[in-house]
């Protein structure tokens, strides 16, 4: 039996991948819902993000945009769902959202 070789990505290849995603803005908009406003009292803020967003890129963008450092970021991916409207099949578009946890005393103003 031959051993399978594991190929390793060079650092230069990783940097190229990061730069491709880094050039795009990861945050689309803040998510302004009743639940999100209740969570913001506990220093948890939610954002609509692009489908290729990662935690690292979001953290960098939040630091540069809002001048606060997040403690933790969770990403939730809601897939598209099939619906039936007036006898025709269709889909509700899916979306991706991120919850950003901040330490006490840090705030993000959306106004």
N, C-alpha and C. Protein backbone atom coordinates (compact mmCIF):
# COMPACT_ATOMS: atom_id res chain seq x y z
N UNK A 1 0.82 -1.19 0.00
CA UNK A 1 0.00 0.00 0.00
C UNK A 1 0.86 1.25 0.00
N UNK A 2 0.46 2.18 -0.81
CA UNK A 2 1.18 3.44 -0.85
C UNK A 2 0.55 4.43 0.13
N UNK A 3 1.41 5.17 0.77
CA UNK A 3 0.92 6.21 1.67
C UNK A 3 0.48 7.42 0.86
N UNK A 4 -0.63 7.98 1.27
CA UNK A 4 -1.10 9.18 0.61
C UNK A 4 -0.31 10.37 1.14
N UNK A 5 0.12 11.20 0.22
CA UNK A 5 0.86 12.38 0.62
C UNK A 5 -0.10 13.53 0.87
N UNK A 6 0.12 14.20 1.95
CA UNK A 6 -0.69 15.36 2.26
C UNK A 6 0.01 16.59 1.72
N UNK A 7 -0.69 17.30 0.86
CA UNK A 7 -0.09 18.51 0.29
C UNK A 7 -0.37 19.68 1.20
N UNK A 8 0.63 20.48 1.39
CA UNK A 8 0.53 21.62 2.27
C UNK A 8 0.46 22.89 1.42
N UNK A 9 -0.39 23.81 1.84
CA UNK A 9 -0.49 25.07 1.13
C UNK A 9 0.65 25.98 1.58
N UNK A 10 1.33 26.57 0.62
CA UNK A 10 2.40 27.50 0.95
C UNK A 10 1.83 28.75 1.60
N UNK A 11 2.64 29.45 2.35
CA UNK A 11 2.19 30.69 2.99
C UNK A 11 1.79 31.72 1.95
N UNK A 12 2.48 31.73 0.81
CA UNK A 12 2.15 32.70 -0.22
C UNK A 12 0.76 32.41 -0.80
N UNK A 13 0.39 31.12 -0.92
CA UNK A 13 -0.94 30.77 -1.41
C UNK A 13 -2.01 31.19 -0.41
N UNK A 14 -1.76 31.01 0.89
CA UNK A 14 -2.71 31.43 1.91
C UNK A 14 -2.91 32.93 1.87
N UNK A 15 -1.82 33.68 1.69
CA UNK A 15 -1.92 35.13 1.64
C UNK A 15 -2.74 35.58 0.44
N UNK A 16 -2.60 34.88 -0.69
CA UNK A 16 -3.38 35.23 -1.87
C UNK A 16 -4.86 35.00 -1.61
N UNK A 17 -5.19 33.90 -0.92
CA UNK A 17 -6.59 33.63 -0.61
C UNK A 17 -7.15 34.68 0.33
N UNK A 18 -6.37 35.08 1.34
CA UNK A 18 -6.81 36.09 2.28
C UNK A 18 -7.03 37.43 1.58
N UNK A 19 -6.14 37.78 0.66
CA UNK A 19 -6.24 39.07 -0.03
C UNK A 19 -7.49 39.12 -0.90
N UNK A 20 -7.86 37.98 -1.51
CA UNK A 20 -9.05 37.97 -2.35
C UNK A 20 -10.29 38.29 -1.54
N UNK A 21 -10.40 37.70 -0.36
CA UNK A 21 -11.55 37.94 0.49
C UNK A 21 -11.41 39.27 1.21
N UNK A 22 -10.18 39.67 1.53
CA UNK A 22 -9.93 40.88 2.29
C UNK A 22 -10.34 42.12 1.51
N UNK A 23 -10.20 42.08 0.18
CA UNK A 23 -10.54 43.25 -0.63
C UNK A 23 -12.03 43.54 -0.59
N UNK A 24 -12.85 42.51 -0.39
CA UNK A 24 -14.29 42.70 -0.33
C UNK A 24 -14.68 43.14 1.07
N UNK A 25 -15.77 43.86 1.16
CA UNK A 25 -16.31 44.24 2.46
C UNK A 25 -17.15 43.06 2.94
N UNK A 26 -16.82 42.53 4.11
CA UNK A 26 -17.51 41.35 4.62
C UNK A 26 -18.86 41.68 5.24
N UNK A 27 -18.97 42.84 5.86
CA UNK A 27 -20.21 43.22 6.54
C UNK A 27 -21.12 43.94 5.55
N UNK A 28 -22.33 43.40 5.38
CA UNK A 28 -23.31 44.04 4.50
C UNK A 28 -24.03 45.15 5.26
N UNK A 29 -24.60 44.80 6.42
CA UNK A 29 -25.34 45.77 7.22
C UNK A 29 -25.53 45.22 8.63
N UNK A 30 -25.82 46.11 9.58
CA UNK A 30 -26.19 45.61 10.90
C UNK A 30 -27.59 45.00 10.82
N UNK A 31 -27.84 43.99 11.59
CA UNK A 31 -29.14 43.31 11.58
C UNK A 31 -30.01 43.95 12.66
N UNK A 32 -31.00 44.73 12.25
CA UNK A 32 -31.83 45.49 13.17
C UNK A 32 -33.18 44.80 13.33
N UNK A 33 -33.25 43.92 14.31
CA UNK A 33 -34.48 43.21 14.64
C UNK A 33 -34.72 43.36 16.14
N UNK A 34 -35.89 42.92 16.59
CA UNK A 34 -36.19 43.01 18.02
C UNK A 34 -35.20 42.18 18.83
N UNK A 35 -34.94 40.98 18.37
CA UNK A 35 -34.02 40.10 19.08
C UNK A 35 -32.62 40.70 19.10
N UNK A 36 -32.19 41.28 17.98
CA UNK A 36 -30.85 41.87 17.91
C UNK A 36 -30.74 43.07 18.85
N UNK A 37 -31.82 43.84 18.98
CA UNK A 37 -31.76 45.00 19.88
C UNK A 37 -31.71 44.56 21.34
N UNK A 38 -32.40 43.45 21.68
CA UNK A 38 -32.32 42.91 23.04
C UNK A 38 -30.91 42.39 23.32
N UNK A 39 -30.31 41.74 22.33
CA UNK A 39 -28.97 41.19 22.52
C UNK A 39 -27.91 42.29 22.61
N UNK A 40 -28.17 43.44 21.97
CA UNK A 40 -27.18 44.53 22.02
C UNK A 40 -27.06 45.09 23.44
N UNK A 41 -28.10 44.92 24.28
CA UNK A 41 -27.99 45.33 25.68
C UNK A 41 -26.99 44.46 26.43
N UNK A 42 -26.75 43.24 25.94
CA UNK A 42 -25.79 42.31 26.54
C UNK A 42 -24.44 42.34 25.81
N UNK A 43 -24.20 43.38 25.02
CA UNK A 43 -22.97 43.56 24.24
C UNK A 43 -22.78 42.47 23.18
N UNK A 44 -23.88 42.02 22.57
CA UNK A 44 -23.82 41.09 21.45
C UNK A 44 -24.49 41.80 20.27
N UNK A 45 -23.74 42.01 19.20
CA UNK A 45 -24.26 42.71 18.02
C UNK A 45 -24.30 41.75 16.84
N UNK A 46 -25.36 41.85 16.03
CA UNK A 46 -25.49 40.96 14.87
C UNK A 46 -25.39 41.76 13.59
N UNK A 47 -24.78 41.13 12.58
CA UNK A 47 -24.58 41.74 11.28
C UNK A 47 -24.95 40.77 10.17
N UNK A 48 -25.48 41.29 9.06
CA UNK A 48 -25.63 40.50 7.85
C UNK A 48 -24.28 40.54 7.14
N UNK A 49 -23.77 39.37 6.75
CA UNK A 49 -22.45 39.30 6.14
C UNK A 49 -22.52 38.54 4.81
N UNK A 50 -21.47 38.67 3.99
CA UNK A 50 -21.43 37.97 2.72
C UNK A 50 -21.18 36.48 2.96
N UNK A 51 -21.49 35.66 1.97
CA UNK A 51 -21.40 34.20 2.13
C UNK A 51 -19.98 33.70 2.29
N UNK A 52 -18.99 34.45 1.85
CA UNK A 52 -17.60 34.01 1.95
C UNK A 52 -16.89 34.58 3.18
N UNK A 53 -17.63 35.21 4.07
CA UNK A 53 -17.02 35.85 5.25
C UNK A 53 -16.50 34.80 6.23
N UNK A 54 -15.37 35.10 6.84
CA UNK A 54 -14.80 34.24 7.87
C UNK A 54 -14.67 35.05 9.16
N UNK A 55 -14.47 34.34 10.26
CA UNK A 55 -14.36 35.01 11.56
C UNK A 55 -13.17 35.95 11.61
N UNK A 56 -12.07 35.54 11.03
CA UNK A 56 -10.85 36.36 11.06
C UNK A 56 -11.05 37.65 10.29
N UNK A 57 -11.63 37.54 9.08
CA UNK A 57 -11.87 38.74 8.28
C UNK A 57 -12.89 39.66 8.93
N UNK A 58 -13.90 39.09 9.56
CA UNK A 58 -14.89 39.91 10.26
C UNK A 58 -14.26 40.64 11.43
N UNK A 59 -13.41 39.95 12.18
CA UNK A 59 -12.75 40.58 13.33
C UNK A 59 -11.89 41.76 12.87
N UNK A 60 -11.15 41.58 11.79
CA UNK A 60 -10.31 42.67 11.27
C UNK A 60 -11.16 43.85 10.83
N UNK A 61 -12.27 43.56 10.17
CA UNK A 61 -13.13 44.62 9.67
C UNK A 61 -13.84 45.37 10.80
N UNK A 62 -14.24 44.67 11.85
CA UNK A 62 -14.89 45.32 12.98
C UNK A 62 -13.92 46.23 13.71
N UNK A 63 -12.67 45.80 13.84
CA UNK A 63 -11.66 46.63 14.50
C UNK A 63 -11.43 47.91 13.69
N UNK A 64 -11.33 47.79 12.37
CA UNK A 64 -11.07 48.98 11.56
C UNK A 64 -12.29 49.89 11.44
N UNK A 65 -13.48 49.31 11.34
CA UNK A 65 -14.68 50.12 11.12
C UNK A 65 -15.21 50.73 12.41
N UNK A 66 -15.36 49.92 13.46
CA UNK A 66 -16.01 50.38 14.68
C UNK A 66 -15.04 50.66 15.82
N UNK A 67 -13.75 50.41 15.66
CA UNK A 67 -12.72 50.70 16.66
C UNK A 67 -12.94 49.98 17.98
N UNK A 68 -13.49 48.75 17.92
CA UNK A 68 -13.63 47.91 19.11
C UNK A 68 -13.10 46.52 18.77
N UNK A 69 -12.58 45.83 19.79
CA UNK A 69 -12.03 44.50 19.57
C UNK A 69 -13.03 43.45 20.06
N UNK A 70 -13.50 42.55 19.18
CA UNK A 70 -14.45 41.53 19.61
C UNK A 70 -13.79 40.43 20.43
N UNK A 71 -14.53 39.91 21.42
CA UNK A 71 -14.06 38.78 22.23
C UNK A 71 -14.29 37.49 21.46
N UNK A 72 -15.49 37.37 20.88
CA UNK A 72 -15.87 36.14 20.20
C UNK A 72 -16.79 36.49 19.04
N UNK A 73 -16.72 35.70 17.96
CA UNK A 73 -17.61 35.87 16.80
C UNK A 73 -18.19 34.51 16.46
N UNK A 74 -19.51 34.46 16.30
CA UNK A 74 -20.15 33.25 15.82
C UNK A 74 -20.83 33.56 14.50
N UNK A 75 -20.75 32.61 13.57
CA UNK A 75 -21.35 32.79 12.25
C UNK A 75 -22.46 31.75 12.08
N UNK A 76 -23.63 32.23 11.65
CA UNK A 76 -24.77 31.36 11.42
C UNK A 76 -25.11 31.42 9.94
N UNK A 77 -25.21 30.25 9.31
CA UNK A 77 -25.51 30.17 7.89
C UNK A 77 -26.91 29.60 7.72
N UNK A 78 -27.86 30.42 7.26
CA UNK A 78 -29.22 29.96 7.02
C UNK A 78 -29.36 29.61 5.54
N UNK A 79 -29.58 28.34 5.21
CA UNK A 79 -29.68 27.95 3.80
C UNK A 79 -31.01 28.40 3.19
N UNK A 80 -31.09 28.39 1.88
CA UNK A 80 -32.34 28.76 1.22
C UNK A 80 -33.40 27.70 1.50
N UNK A 81 -34.65 28.12 1.50
CA UNK A 81 -35.74 27.19 1.79
C UNK A 81 -36.72 27.17 0.63
N UNK A 82 -37.27 26.00 0.35
CA UNK A 82 -38.24 25.85 -0.73
C UNK A 82 -39.60 26.34 -0.26
N UNK A 83 -40.29 27.09 -1.11
CA UNK A 83 -41.62 27.60 -0.79
C UNK A 83 -42.55 27.37 -1.97
N UNK A 84 -43.84 27.45 -1.71
CA UNK A 84 -44.86 27.31 -2.74
C UNK A 84 -45.70 28.58 -2.70
N UNK A 85 -45.64 29.38 -3.76
CA UNK A 85 -46.35 30.65 -3.82
C UNK A 85 -47.26 30.63 -5.04
N UNK A 86 -48.57 30.74 -4.80
CA UNK A 86 -49.58 30.76 -5.86
C UNK A 86 -49.42 29.58 -6.83
N UNK A 87 -49.15 28.42 -6.27
CA UNK A 87 -49.04 27.21 -7.06
C UNK A 87 -47.72 27.02 -7.77
N UNK A 88 -46.77 27.91 -7.55
CA UNK A 88 -45.46 27.79 -8.21
C UNK A 88 -44.39 27.56 -7.15
N UNK A 89 -43.46 26.71 -7.51
CA UNK A 89 -42.36 26.41 -6.60
C UNK A 89 -41.28 27.48 -6.72
N UNK A 90 -40.71 27.83 -5.60
CA UNK A 90 -39.65 28.81 -5.59
C UNK A 90 -38.79 28.63 -4.35
N UNK A 91 -37.91 29.59 -4.14
CA UNK A 91 -37.00 29.53 -3.01
C UNK A 91 -36.92 30.89 -2.33
N UNK A 92 -36.88 30.87 -1.00
CA UNK A 92 -36.53 32.06 -0.24
C UNK A 92 -35.01 32.05 -0.13
N UNK A 93 -34.41 33.18 -0.41
CA UNK A 93 -32.95 33.21 -0.42
C UNK A 93 -32.39 33.00 0.98
N UNK A 94 -31.28 32.32 1.04
CA UNK A 94 -30.59 32.10 2.30
C UNK A 94 -29.71 33.29 2.62
N UNK A 95 -29.20 33.32 3.84
CA UNK A 95 -28.32 34.42 4.24
C UNK A 95 -27.36 33.93 5.31
N UNK A 96 -26.39 34.76 5.57
CA UNK A 96 -25.39 34.45 6.59
C UNK A 96 -25.34 35.63 7.54
N UNK A 97 -25.34 35.35 8.84
CA UNK A 97 -25.25 36.42 9.82
C UNK A 97 -24.16 36.10 10.82
N UNK A 98 -23.65 37.14 11.45
CA UNK A 98 -22.58 36.98 12.43
C UNK A 98 -22.97 37.68 13.72
N UNK A 99 -22.74 37.02 14.84
CA UNK A 99 -22.93 37.62 16.15
C UNK A 99 -21.56 37.97 16.71
N UNK A 100 -21.42 39.22 17.11
CA UNK A 100 -20.14 39.72 17.61
C UNK A 100 -20.29 40.02 19.10
N UNK A 101 -19.46 39.38 19.91
CA UNK A 101 -19.47 39.56 21.36
C UNK A 101 -18.39 40.57 21.74
N UNK A 102 -18.77 41.59 22.50
CA UNK A 102 -17.82 42.61 22.94
C UNK A 102 -17.69 42.56 24.46
N UNK A 103 -16.55 43.07 24.97
CA UNK A 103 -16.38 43.12 26.42
C UNK A 103 -17.21 44.26 27.00
N UNK A 104 -17.43 44.21 28.32
CA UNK A 104 -18.23 45.23 28.98
C UNK A 104 -17.58 46.59 28.80
N UNK A 105 -18.40 47.57 28.52
CA UNK A 105 -17.89 48.92 28.31
C UNK A 105 -17.76 49.29 26.85
N UNK A 106 -17.57 48.32 25.96
CA UNK A 106 -17.47 48.59 24.53
C UNK A 106 -18.87 48.67 23.93
N UNK A 107 -19.08 49.60 23.04
CA UNK A 107 -20.37 49.76 22.39
C UNK A 107 -20.16 50.05 20.91
N UNK A 108 -21.15 49.68 20.11
CA UNK A 108 -21.17 50.02 18.68
C UNK A 108 -22.42 50.86 18.46
N UNK A 109 -22.24 52.07 17.92
CA UNK A 109 -23.37 52.95 17.62
C UNK A 109 -23.70 52.84 16.14
N UNK A 110 -24.94 52.49 15.84
CA UNK A 110 -25.36 52.36 14.45
C UNK A 110 -25.99 53.63 13.91
N UNK A 111 -26.24 54.61 14.76
CA UNK A 111 -26.93 55.82 14.34
C UNK A 111 -26.06 56.74 13.54
